[in-house]
């Protein structure tokens, strides 16, 4: 499983990463200002829980990276913030208007 994650700055980032690390050791981080946490803060905290970390300021670039880097039976899990998931779904026209 490859995780694509953006987390609101008012959430328990360490607690969330701890739980997500039970699913995968690979994470792609992104953000949607102003609500999501700063990408540098996310990356710093993620180092405590994940082996492979990539960061993208642009959620659509993060999604494109994930899709092109999925391994054989990998699943992509977009999570952490409903804002990130919604932004990607709309931006890639995976969700009707």
PDB file of N, CA and C in Angstrom:
ATOM      1  N   UNK A   1       0.842  -1.186   0.000  1.00  0.00           N
ATOM      2  CA  UNK A   1       0.000   0.000   0.000  1.00  0.00           C
ATOM      3  C   UNK A   1       0.880   1.240   0.000  1.00  0.00           C
ATOM      4  N   UNK A   2       0.511   2.191  -0.826  1.00  0.00           N
ATOM      5  CA  UNK A   2       1.186   3.487  -0.858  1.00  0.00           C
ATOM      6  C   UNK A   2       0.209   4.517  -0.300  1.00  0.00           C
ATOM      7  N   UNK A   3       0.665   5.278   0.675  1.00  0.00           N
ATOM      8  CA  UNK A   3      -0.175   6.282   1.315  1.00  0.00           C
ATOM      9  C   UNK A   3       0.068   7.653   0.710  1.00  0.00           C
ATOM     10  N   UNK A   4      -0.999   8.352   0.378  1.00  0.00           N
ATOM     11  CA  UNK A   4      -0.942   9.754  -0.042  1.00  0.00           C
ATOM     12  C   UNK A   4      -1.687  10.541   1.026  1.00  0.00           C
ATOM     13  N   UNK A   5      -0.959  11.400   1.735  1.00  0.00           N
ATOM     14  CA  UNK A   5      -1.499  11.984   2.960  1.00  0.00           C
ATOM     15  C   UNK A   5      -1.285  13.494   3.026  1.00  0.00           C
ATOM     16  N   UNK A   6      -2.322  14.179   3.442  1.00  0.00           N
ATOM     17  CA  UNK A   6      -2.267  15.574   3.855  1.00  0.00           C
ATOM     18  C   UNK A   6      -3.057  15.659   5.148  1.00  0.00           C
ATOM     19  N   UNK A   7      -2.542  16.368   6.131  1.00  0.00           N
ATOM     20  CA  UNK A   7      -3.184  16.404   7.447  1.00  0.00           C
ATOM     21  C   UNK A   7      -3.389  17.854   7.873  1.00  0.00           C
ATOM     22  N   UNK A   8      -4.561  18.147   8.391  1.00  0.00           N
ATOM     23  CA  UNK A   8      -4.847  19.490   8.906  1.00  0.00           C
ATOM     24  C   UNK A   8      -3.920  19.800  10.074  1.00  0.00           C
ATOM     25  N   UNK A   9      -3.531  21.054  10.162  1.00  0.00           N
ATOM     26  CA  UNK A   9      -2.553  21.453  11.172  1.00  0.00           C
ATOM     27  C   UNK A   9      -3.060  21.320  12.605  1.00  0.00           C
ATOM     28  N   UNK A  10      -4.361  21.240  12.799  1.00  0.00           N
ATOM     29  CA  UNK A  10      -4.902  21.139  14.153  1.00  0.00           C
ATOM     30  C   UNK A  10      -5.090  19.694  14.618  1.00  0.00           C
ATOM     31  N   UNK A  11      -4.591  18.737  13.855  1.00  0.00           N
ATOM     32  CA  UNK A  11      -4.754  17.317  14.195  1.00  0.00           C
ATOM     33  C   UNK A  11      -3.515  16.773  14.900  1.00  0.00           C
ATOM     34  N   UNK A  12      -3.645  15.597  15.497  1.00  0.00           N
ATOM     35  CA  UNK A  12      -2.537  14.904  16.158  1.00  0.00           C
ATOM     36  C   UNK A  12      -1.711  14.186  15.088  1.00  0.00           C
ATOM     37  N   UNK A  13      -0.781  14.900  14.488  1.00  0.00           N
ATOM     38  CA  UNK A  13      -0.016  14.374  13.362  1.00  0.00           C
ATOM     39  C   UNK A  13       0.763  13.128  13.757  1.00  0.00           C
ATOM     40  N   UNK A  14       1.435  13.162  14.903  1.00  0.00           N
ATOM     41  CA  UNK A  14       2.191  11.984  15.341  1.00  0.00           C
ATOM     42  C   UNK A  14       1.283  10.783  15.551  1.00  0.00           C
ATOM     43  N   UNK A  15       0.150  10.992  16.180  1.00  0.00           N
ATOM     44  CA  UNK A  15      -0.791   9.895  16.410  1.00  0.00           C
ATOM     45  C   UNK A  15      -1.316   9.308  15.110  1.00  0.00           C
ATOM     46  N   UNK A  16      -1.595  10.174  14.153  1.00  0.00           N
ATOM     47  CA  UNK A  16      -2.080   9.724  12.847  1.00  0.00           C
ATOM     48  C   UNK A  16      -0.995   8.942  12.130  1.00  0.00           C
ATOM     49  N   UNK A  17       0.237   9.471  12.108  1.00  0.00           N
ATOM     50  CA  UNK A  17       1.337   8.766  11.451  1.00  0.00           C
ATOM     51  C   UNK A  17       1.610   7.416  12.114  1.00  0.00           C
ATOM     52  N   UNK A  18       1.498   7.364  13.422  1.00  0.00           N
ATOM     53  CA  UNK A  18       1.717   6.094  14.128  1.00  0.00           C
ATOM     54  C   UNK A  18       0.735   5.039  13.626  1.00  0.00           C
ATOM     55  N   UNK A  19      -0.522   5.415  13.488  1.00  0.00           N
ATOM     56  CA  UNK A  19      -1.531   4.470  12.989  1.00  0.00           C
ATOM     57  C   UNK A  19      -1.305   4.126  11.518  1.00  0.00           C
ATOM     58  N   UNK A  20      -0.996   5.132  10.701  1.00  0.00           N
ATOM     59  CA  UNK A  20      -0.758   4.885   9.275  1.00  0.00           C
ATOM     60  C   UNK A  20       0.455   3.990   9.051  1.00  0.00           C
ATOM     61  N   UNK A  21       1.452   4.078   9.934  1.00  0.00           N
ATOM     62  CA  UNK A  21       2.665   3.272   9.764  1.00  0.00           C
ATOM     63  C   UNK A  21       2.393   1.781   9.953  1.00  0.00           C
ATOM     64  N   UNK A  22       1.246   1.450  10.516  1.00  0.00           N
ATOM     65  CA  UNK A  22       0.843   0.039  10.638  1.00  0.00           C
ATOM     66  C   UNK A  22       0.361  -0.502   9.297  1.00  0.00           C
ATOM     67  N   UNK A  23       0.016   0.392   8.378  1.00  0.00           N
ATOM     68  CA  UNK A  23      -0.496   0.014   7.061  1.00  0.00           C
ATOM     69  C   UNK A  23       0.626  -0.067   6.036  1.00  0.00           C
ATOM     70  N   UNK A  24       1.572   0.880   6.112  1.00  0.00           N
ATOM     71  CA  UNK A  24       2.627   0.963   5.099  1.00  0.00           C
ATOM     72  C   UNK A  24       3.832   1.705   5.651  1.00  0.00           C
ATOM     73  N   UNK A  25       4.983   1.455   5.058  1.00  0.00           N
ATOM     74  CA  UNK A  25       6.205   2.199   5.386  1.00  0.00           C
ATOM     75  C   UNK A  25       6.539   3.192   4.278  1.00  0.00           C
ATOM     76  N   UNK A  26       5.633   3.324   3.297  1.00  0.00           N
ATOM     77  CA  UNK A  26       5.808   4.245   2.166  1.00  0.00           C
ATOM     78  C   UNK A  26       4.727   5.314   2.226  1.00  0.00           C
ATOM     79  N   UNK A  27       5.159   6.582   2.201  1.00  0.00           N
ATOM     80  CA  UNK A  27       4.195   7.674   2.303  1.00  0.00           C
ATOM     81  C   UNK A  27       4.586   8.824   1.371  1.00  0.00           C
ATOM     82  N   UNK A  28       3.579   9.415   0.768  1.00  0.00           N
ATOM     83  CA  UNK A  28       3.740  10.617  -0.042  1.00  0.00           C
ATOM     84  C   UNK A  28       2.935  11.704   0.662  1.00  0.00           C
ATOM     85  N   UNK A  29       3.600  12.806   0.962  1.00  0.00           N
ATOM     86  CA  UNK A  29       2.978  13.891   1.714  1.00  0.00           C
ATOM     87  C   UNK A  29       2.652  15.063   0.804  1.00  0.00           C
ATOM     88  N   UNK A  30       1.528  15.692   1.090  1.00  0.00           N
ATOM     89  CA  UNK A  30       1.135  16.882   0.336  1.00  0.00           C
ATOM     90  C   UNK A  30       0.358  17.814   1.253  1.00  0.00           C
ATOM     91  N   UNK A  31      -0.010  18.953   0.723  1.00  0.00           N
ATOM     92  CA  UNK A  31      -0.687  19.957   1.539  1.00  0.00           C
ATOM     93  C   UNK A  31      -1.621  20.802   0.680  1.00  0.00           C
ATOM     94  N   UNK A  32      -2.617  21.355   1.312  1.00  0.00           N
ATOM     95  CA  UNK A  32      -3.478  22.357   0.681  1.00  0.00           C
ATOM     96  C   UNK A  32      -3.609  23.508   1.685  1.00  0.00           C
ATOM     97  N   UNK A  33      -2.832  24.574   1.491  1.00  0.00           N
ATOM     98  CA  UNK A  33      -2.936  25.712   2.408  1.00  0.00           C
ATOM     99  C   UNK A  33      -4.326  26.335   2.336  1.00  0.00           C
ATOM    100  N   UNK A  34      -4.798  26.985   3.359  1.00  0.00           N
ATOM    101  CA  UNK A  34      -4.084  27.248   4.595  1.00  0.00           C
ATOM    102  C   UNK A  34      -4.365  26.216   5.676  1.00  0.00           C
ATOM    103  N   UNK A  35      -5.283  25.302   5.450  1.00  0.00           N
ATOM    104  CA  UNK A  35      -5.724  24.406   6.512  1.00  0.00           C
ATOM    105  C   UNK A  35      -4.747  23.269   6.811  1.00  0.00           C
ATOM    106  N   UNK A  36      -4.153  22.700   5.792  1.00  0.00           N
ATOM    107  CA  UNK A  36      -3.252  21.560   5.994  1.00  0.00           C
ATOM    108  C   UNK A  36      -1.938  22.009   6.625  1.00  0.00           C
ATOM    109  N   UNK A  37      -1.335  21.102   7.355  1.00  0.00           N
ATOM    110  CA  UNK A  37      -0.053  21.378   7.993  1.00  0.00           C
ATOM    111  C   UNK A  37       1.026  21.630   6.946  1.00  0.00           C
ATOM    112  N   UNK A  38       2.002  22.408   7.317  1.00  0.00           N
ATOM    113  CA  UNK A  38       3.155  22.717   6.485  1.00  0.00           C
ATOM    114  C   UNK A  38       3.866  21.427   6.079  1.00  0.00           C
ATOM    115  N   UNK A  39       4.282  21.346   4.818  1.00  0.00           N
ATOM    116  CA  UNK A  39       4.890  20.130   4.283  1.00  0.00           C
ATOM    117  C   UNK A  39       6.182  19.766   5.017  1.00  0.00           C
ATOM    118  N   UNK A  40       6.962  20.760   5.440  1.00  0.00           N
ATOM    119  CA  UNK A  40       8.208  20.485   6.162  1.00  0.00           C
ATOM    120  C   UNK A  40       7.930  19.868   7.532  1.00  0.00           C
ATOM    121  N   UNK A  41       6.892  20.336   8.182  1.00  0.00           N
ATOM    122  CA  UNK A  41       6.509  19.767   9.480  1.00  0.00           C
ATOM    123  C   UNK A  41       6.053  18.326   9.303  1.00  0.00           C
ATOM    124  N   UNK A  42       5.234  18.087   8.281  1.00  0.00           N
ATOM    125  CA  UNK A  42       4.782  16.717   8.022  1.00  0.00           C
ATOM    126  C   UNK A  42       5.967  15.795   7.758  1.00  0.00           C
ATOM    127  N   UNK A  43       6.902  16.254   6.934  1.00  0.00           N
ATOM    128  CA  UNK A  43       8.057  15.418   6.596  1.00  0.00           C
ATOM    129  C   UNK A  43       8.907  15.119   7.830  1.00  0.00           C
ATOM    130  N   UNK A  44       9.146  16.120   8.639  1.00  0.00           N
ATOM    131  CA  UNK A  44       9.946  15.932   9.850  1.00  0.00           C
ATOM    132  C   UNK A  44       9.322  14.877  10.765  1.00  0.00           C
ATOM    133  N   UNK A  45       8.038  14.963  10.974  1.00  0.00           N
ATOM    134  CA  UNK A  45       7.353  14.002  11.836  1.00  0.00           C
ATOM    135  C   UNK A  45       7.275  12.619  11.193  1.00  0.00           C
ATOM    136  N   UNK A  46       7.111  12.573   9.874  1.00  0.00           N
ATOM    137  CA  UNK A  46       6.995  11.293   9.164  1.00  0.00           C
ATOM    138  C   UNK A  46       8.269  10.468   9.267  1.00  0.00           C
ATOM    139  N   UNK A  47       9.414  11.129   9.395  1.00  0.00           N
ATOM    140  CA  UNK A  47      10.694  10.405   9.494  1.00  0.00           C
ATOM    141  C   UNK A  47      10.721   9.428  10.667  1.00  0.00           C
ATOM    142  N   UNK A  48       9.912   9.675  11.680  1.00  0.00           N
ATOM    143  CA  UNK A  48       9.861   8.787  12.843  1.00  0.00           C
ATOM    144  C   UNK A  48       9.080   7.503  12.579  1.00  0.00           C
ATOM    145  N   UNK A  49       8.347   7.445  11.470  1.00  0.00           N
ATOM    146  CA  UNK A  49       7.424   6.330  11.251  1.00  0.00           C
ATOM    147  C   UNK A  49       7.563   5.623   9.907  1.00  0.00           C
ATOM    148  N   UNK A  50       8.175   6.271   8.912  1.00  0.00           N
ATOM    149  CA  UNK A  50       8.181   5.727   7.547  1.00  0.00           C
ATOM    150  C   UNK A  50       9.590   5.626   6.981  1.00  0.00           C
ATOM    151  N   UNK A  51       9.798   4.596   6.141  1.00  0.00           N
ATOM    152  CA  UNK A  51      11.104   4.390   5.501  1.00  0.00           C
ATOM    153  C   UNK A  51      11.232   5.192   4.215  1.00  0.00           C
ATOM    154  N   UNK A  52      10.165   5.233   3.424  1.00  0.00           N
ATOM    155  CA  UNK A  52      10.169   5.962   2.153  1.00  0.00           C
ATOM    156  C   UNK A  52       9.218   7.144   2.263  1.00  0.00           C
ATOM    157  N   UNK A  53       9.761   8.343   2.060  1.00  0.00           N
ATOM    158  CA  UNK A  53       8.961   9.567   2.162  1.00  0.00           C
ATOM    159  C   UNK A  53       9.229  10.442   0.943  1.00  0.00           C
ATOM    160  N   UNK A  54       8.166  10.868   0.303  1.00  0.00           N
ATOM    161  CA  UNK A  54       8.245  11.843  -0.789  1.00  0.00           C
ATOM    162  C   UNK A  54       7.320  12.992  -0.421  1.00  0.00           C
ATOM    163  N   UNK A  55       7.671  14.196  -0.843  1.00  0.00           N
ATOM    164  CA  UNK A  55       6.818  15.349  -0.554  1.00  0.00           C
ATOM    165  C   UNK A  55       6.535  16.135  -1.831  1.00  0.00           C
ATOM    166  N   UNK A  56       5.320  16.639  -1.901  1.00  0.00           N
ATOM    167  CA  UNK A  56       4.881  17.465  -3.022  1.00  0.00           C
ATOM    168  C   UNK A  56       3.975  18.560  -2.482  1.00  0.00           C
ATOM    169  N   UNK A  57       4.281  19.802  -2.809  1.00  0.00           N
ATOM    170  CA  UNK A  57       3.403  20.911  -2.425  1.00  0.00           C
ATOM    171  C   UNK A  57       2.069  20.810  -3.164  1.00  0.00           C
ATOM    172  N   UNK A  58       2.110  20.329  -4.391  1.00  0.00           N
ATOM    173  CA  UNK A  58       0.924  20.235  -5.248  1.00  0.00           C
ATOM    174  C   UNK A  58       0.296  18.843  -5.122  1.00  0.00           C
ATOM    175  N   UNK A  59      -0.928  18.750  -4.602  1.00  0.00           N
ATOM    176  CA  UNK A  59      -1.580  17.452  -4.441  1.00  0.00           C
ATOM    177  C   UNK A  59      -1.748  16.677  -5.750  1.00  0.00           C
ATOM    178  N   UNK A  60      -1.948  17.367  -6.862  1.00  0.00           N
ATOM    179  CA  UNK A  60      -2.119  16.667  -8.137  1.00  0.00           C
ATOM    180  C   UNK A  60      -0.806  16.045  -8.600  1.00  0.00           C
ATOM    181  N   UNK A  61       0.307  16.732  -8.368  1.00  0.00           N
ATOM    182  CA  UNK A  61       1.616  16.147  -8.683  1.00  0.00           C
ATOM    183  C   UNK A  61       1.898  14.964  -7.764  1.00  0.00           C
ATOM    184  N   UNK A  62       1.486  15.064  -6.522  1.00  0.00           N
ATOM    185  CA  UNK A  62       1.652  13.952  -5.586  1.00  0.00           C
ATOM    186  C   UNK A  62       0.862  12.737  -6.066  1.00  0.00           C
ATOM    187  N   UNK A  63      -0.361  12.969  -6.495  1.00  0.00           N
ATOM    188  CA  UNK A  63      -1.203  11.883  -7.003  1.00  0.00           C
ATOM    189  C   UNK A  63      -0.583  11.251  -8.245  1.00  0.00           C
ATOM    190  N   UNK A  64      -0.136  12.073  -9.183  1.00  0.00           N
ATOM    191  CA  UNK A  64       0.479  11.553 -10.406  1.00  0.00           C
ATOM    192  C   UNK A  64       1.717  10.717 -10.081  1.00  0.00           C
ATOM    193  N   UNK A  65       2.519  11.186  -9.127  1.00  0.00           N
ATOM    194  CA  UNK A  65       3.693  10.421  -8.698  1.00  0.00           C
ATOM    195  C   UNK A  65       3.262   9.058  -8.149  1.00  0.00           C
ATOM    196  N   UNK A  66       2.256   9.065  -7.299  1.00  0.00           N
ATOM    197  CA  UNK A  66       1.781   7.816  -6.692  1.00  0.00           C
ATOM    198  C   UNK A  66       1.312   6.828  -7.749  1.00  0.00           C
ATOM    199  N   UNK A  67       0.499   7.294  -8.668  1.00  0.00           N
ATOM    200  CA  UNK A  67      -0.038   6.415  -9.709  1.00  0.00           C
ATOM    201  C   UNK A  67       1.092   5.806 -10.526  1.00  0.00           C
ATOM    202  N   UNK A  68       2.102   6.589 -10.838  1.00  0.00           N
ATOM    203  CA  UNK A  68       3.197   6.073 -11.663  1.00  0.00           C
ATOM    204  C   UNK A  68       4.197   5.234 -10.873  1.00  0.00           C
ATOM    205  N   UNK A  69       4.080   5.216  -9.549  1.00  0.00           N
ATOM    206  CA  UNK A  69       5.018   4.452  -8.727  1.00  0.00           C
ATOM    207  C   UNK A  69       4.369   3.331  -7.929  1.00  0.00           C
ATOM    208  N   UNK A  70       3.163   2.959  -8.279  1.00  0.00           N
ATOM    209  CA  UNK A  70       2.538   1.807  -7.630  1.00  0.00           C
ATOM    210  C   UNK A  70       3.227   0.540  -8.099  1.00  0.00           C
ATOM    211  N   UNK A  71       3.455  -0.366  -7.176  1.00  0.00           N
ATOM    212  CA  UNK A  71       4.063  -1.649  -7.514  1.00  0.00           C
ATOM    213  C   UNK A  71       2.958  -2.649  -7.827  1.00  0.00           C
ATOM    214  N   UNK A  72       3.318  -3.835  -8.272  1.00  0.00           N
ATOM    215  CA  UNK A  72       2.378  -4.832  -8.799  1.00  0.00           C
ATOM    216  C   UNK A  72       0.986  -4.847  -8.178  1.00  0.00           C
ATOM    217  N   UNK A  73       0.858  -5.286  -6.979  1.00  0.00           N
ATOM    218  CA  UNK A  73      -0.460  -5.422  -6.344  1.00  0.00           C
ATOM    219  C   UNK A  73      -0.744  -4.282  -5.363  1.00  0.00           C
ATOM    220  N   UNK A  74       0.004  -3.198  -5.482  1.00  0.00           N
ATOM    221  CA  UNK A  74      -0.165  -2.063  -4.577  1.00  0.00           C
ATOM    222  C   UNK A  74      -1.547  -1.440  -4.668  1.00  0.00           C
ATOM    223  N   UNK A  75      -1.955  -0.897  -3.564  1.00  0.00           N
ATOM    224  CA  UNK A  75      -3.160  -0.075  -3.479  1.00  0.00           C
ATOM    225  C   UNK A  75      -2.704   1.339  -3.122  1.00  0.00           C
ATOM    226  N   UNK A  76      -3.437   2.327  -3.591  1.00  0.00           N
ATOM    227  CA  UNK A  76      -3.176   3.713  -3.222  1.00  0.00           C
ATOM    228  C   UNK A  76      -4.256   4.148  -2.248  1.00  0.00           C
ATOM    229  N   UNK A  77      -3.842   4.603  -1.085  1.00  0.00           N
ATOM    230  CA  UNK A  77      -4.767   5.089  -0.070  1.00  0.00           C
ATOM    231  C   UNK A  77      -4.552   6.594   0.094  1.00  0.00           C
ATOM    232  N   UNK A  78      -5.556   7.373  -0.298  1.00  0.00           N
ATOM    233  CA  UNK A  78      -5.520   8.830  -0.137  1.00  0.00           C
ATOM    234  C   UNK A  78      -6.280   9.134   1.143  1.00  0.00           C
ATOM    235  N   UNK A  79      -5.587   9.710   2.124  1.00  0.00           N
ATOM    236  CA  UNK A  79      -6.192   9.848   3.437  1.00  0.00           C
ATOM    237  C   UNK A  79      -5.568  11.001   4.226  1.00  0.00           C
ATOM    238  N   UNK A  80      -6.058  11.177   5.416  1.00  0.00           N
ATOM    239  CA  UNK A  80      -5.533  12.202   6.310  1.00  0.00           C
ATOM    240  C   UNK A  80      -6.424  13.422   6.362  1.00  0.00           C
ATOM    241  N   UNK A  81      -6.812  13.911   5.198  1.00  0.00           N
ATOM    242  CA  UNK A  81      -7.680  15.086   5.118  1.00  0.00           C
ATOM    243  C   UNK A  81      -8.660  14.913   3.968  1.00  0.00           C
ATOM    244  N   UNK A  82      -9.902  15.104   4.250  1.00  0.00           N
ATOM    245  CA  UNK A  82     -10.930  15.017   3.215  1.00  0.00           C
ATOM    246  C   UNK A  82     -10.708  16.104   2.160  1.00  0.00           C
ATOM    247  N   UNK A  83     -10.080  17.207   2.550  1.00  0.00           N
ATOM    248  CA  UNK A  83      -9.794  18.285   1.603  1.00  0.00           C
ATOM    249  C   UNK A  83      -8.817  17.831   0.524  1.00  0.00           C
ATOM    250  N   UNK A  84      -7.794  17.088   0.920  1.00  0.00           N
ATOM    251  CA  UNK A  84      -6.813  16.577  -0.046  1.00  0.00           C
ATOM    252  C   UNK A  84      -7.482  15.594  -0.993  1.00  0.00           C
ATOM    253  N   UNK A  85      -8.238  14.670  -0.439  1.00  0.00           N
ATOM    254  CA  UNK A  85      -8.918  13.673  -1.276  1.00  0.00           C
ATOM    255  C   UNK A  85      -9.870  14.352  -2.259  1.00  0.00           C
ATOM    256  N   UNK A  86     -10.658  15.291  -1.782  1.00  0.00           N
ATOM    257  CA  UNK A  86     -11.597  15.996  -2.652  1.00  0.00           C
ATOM    258  C   UNK A  86     -10.901  16.799  -3.734  1.00  0.00           C
ATOM    259  N   UNK A  87      -9.809  17.449  -3.379  1.00  0.00           N
ATOM    260  CA  UNK A  87      -9.038  18.243  -4.340  1.00  0.00           C
ATOM    261  C   UNK A  87      -8.513  17.354  -5.462  1.00  0.00           C
ATOM    262  N   UNK A  88      -7.992  16.195  -5.108  1.00  0.00           N
ATOM    263  CA  UNK A  88      -7.454  15.263  -6.104  1.00  0.00           C
ATOM    264  C   UNK A  88      -8.575  14.693  -6.968  1.00  0.00           C
ATOM    265  N   UNK A  89      -9.656  14.291  -6.346  1.00  0.00           N
ATOM    266  CA  UNK A  89     -10.777  13.730  -7.111  1.00  0.00           C
ATOM    267  C   UNK A  89     -11.310  14.735  -8.126  1.00  0.00           C
ATOM    268  N   UNK A  90     -11.464  15.983  -7.714  1.00  0.00           N
ATOM    269  CA  UNK A  90     -11.943  17.011  -8.646  1.00  0.00           C
ATOM    270  C   UNK A  90     -10.891  17.352  -9.690  1.00  0.00           C
ATOM    271  N   UNK A  91      -9.651  17.496  -9.259  1.00  0.00           N
ATOM    272  CA  UNK A  91      -8.576  17.898 -10.156  1.00  0.00           C
ATOM    273  C   UNK A  91      -8.267  16.879 -11.236  1.00  0.00           C
ATOM    274  N   UNK A  92      -8.479  15.638 -10.925  1.00  0.00           N
ATOM    275  CA  UNK A  92      -8.224  14.572 -11.899  1.00  0.00           C
ATOM    276  C   UNK A  92      -9.530  14.049 -12.493  1.00  0.00           C
ATOM    277  N   UNK A  93     -10.603  14.784 -12.245  1.00  0.00           N
ATOM    278  CA  UNK A  93     -11.933  14.474 -12.787  1.00  0.00           C
ATOM    279  C   UNK A  93     -12.360  13.031 -12.484  1.00  0.00           C
ATOM    280  N   UNK A  94     -12.058  12.620 -11.262  1.00  0.00           N
ATOM    281  CA  UNK A  94     -12.455  11.296 -10.791  1.00  0.00           C
ATOM    282  C   UNK A  94     -13.773  11.368 -10.034  1.00  0.00           C
ATOM    283  N   UNK A  95     -14.287  12.598  -9.903  1.00  0.00           N
ATOM    284  CA  UNK A  95     -15.513  12.837  -9.155  1.00  0.00           C
ATOM    285  C   UNK A  95     -16.371  13.804  -9.958  1.00  0.00           C
ATOM    286  N   UNK A  96     -17.633  13.493 -10.094  1.00  0.00           N
ATOM    287  CA  UNK A  96     -18.537  14.395 -10.818  1.00  0.00           C
ATOM    288  C   UNK A  96     -18.702  15.711 -10.090  1.00  0.00           C
ATOM    289  N   UNK A  97     -19.134  16.735 -10.816  1.00  0.00           N
ATOM    290  CA  UNK A  97     -19.267  18.062 -10.197  1.00  0.00           C
ATOM    291  C   UNK A  97     -20.562  18.216  -9.444  1.00  0.00           C
TER     292      UNK A  97
END
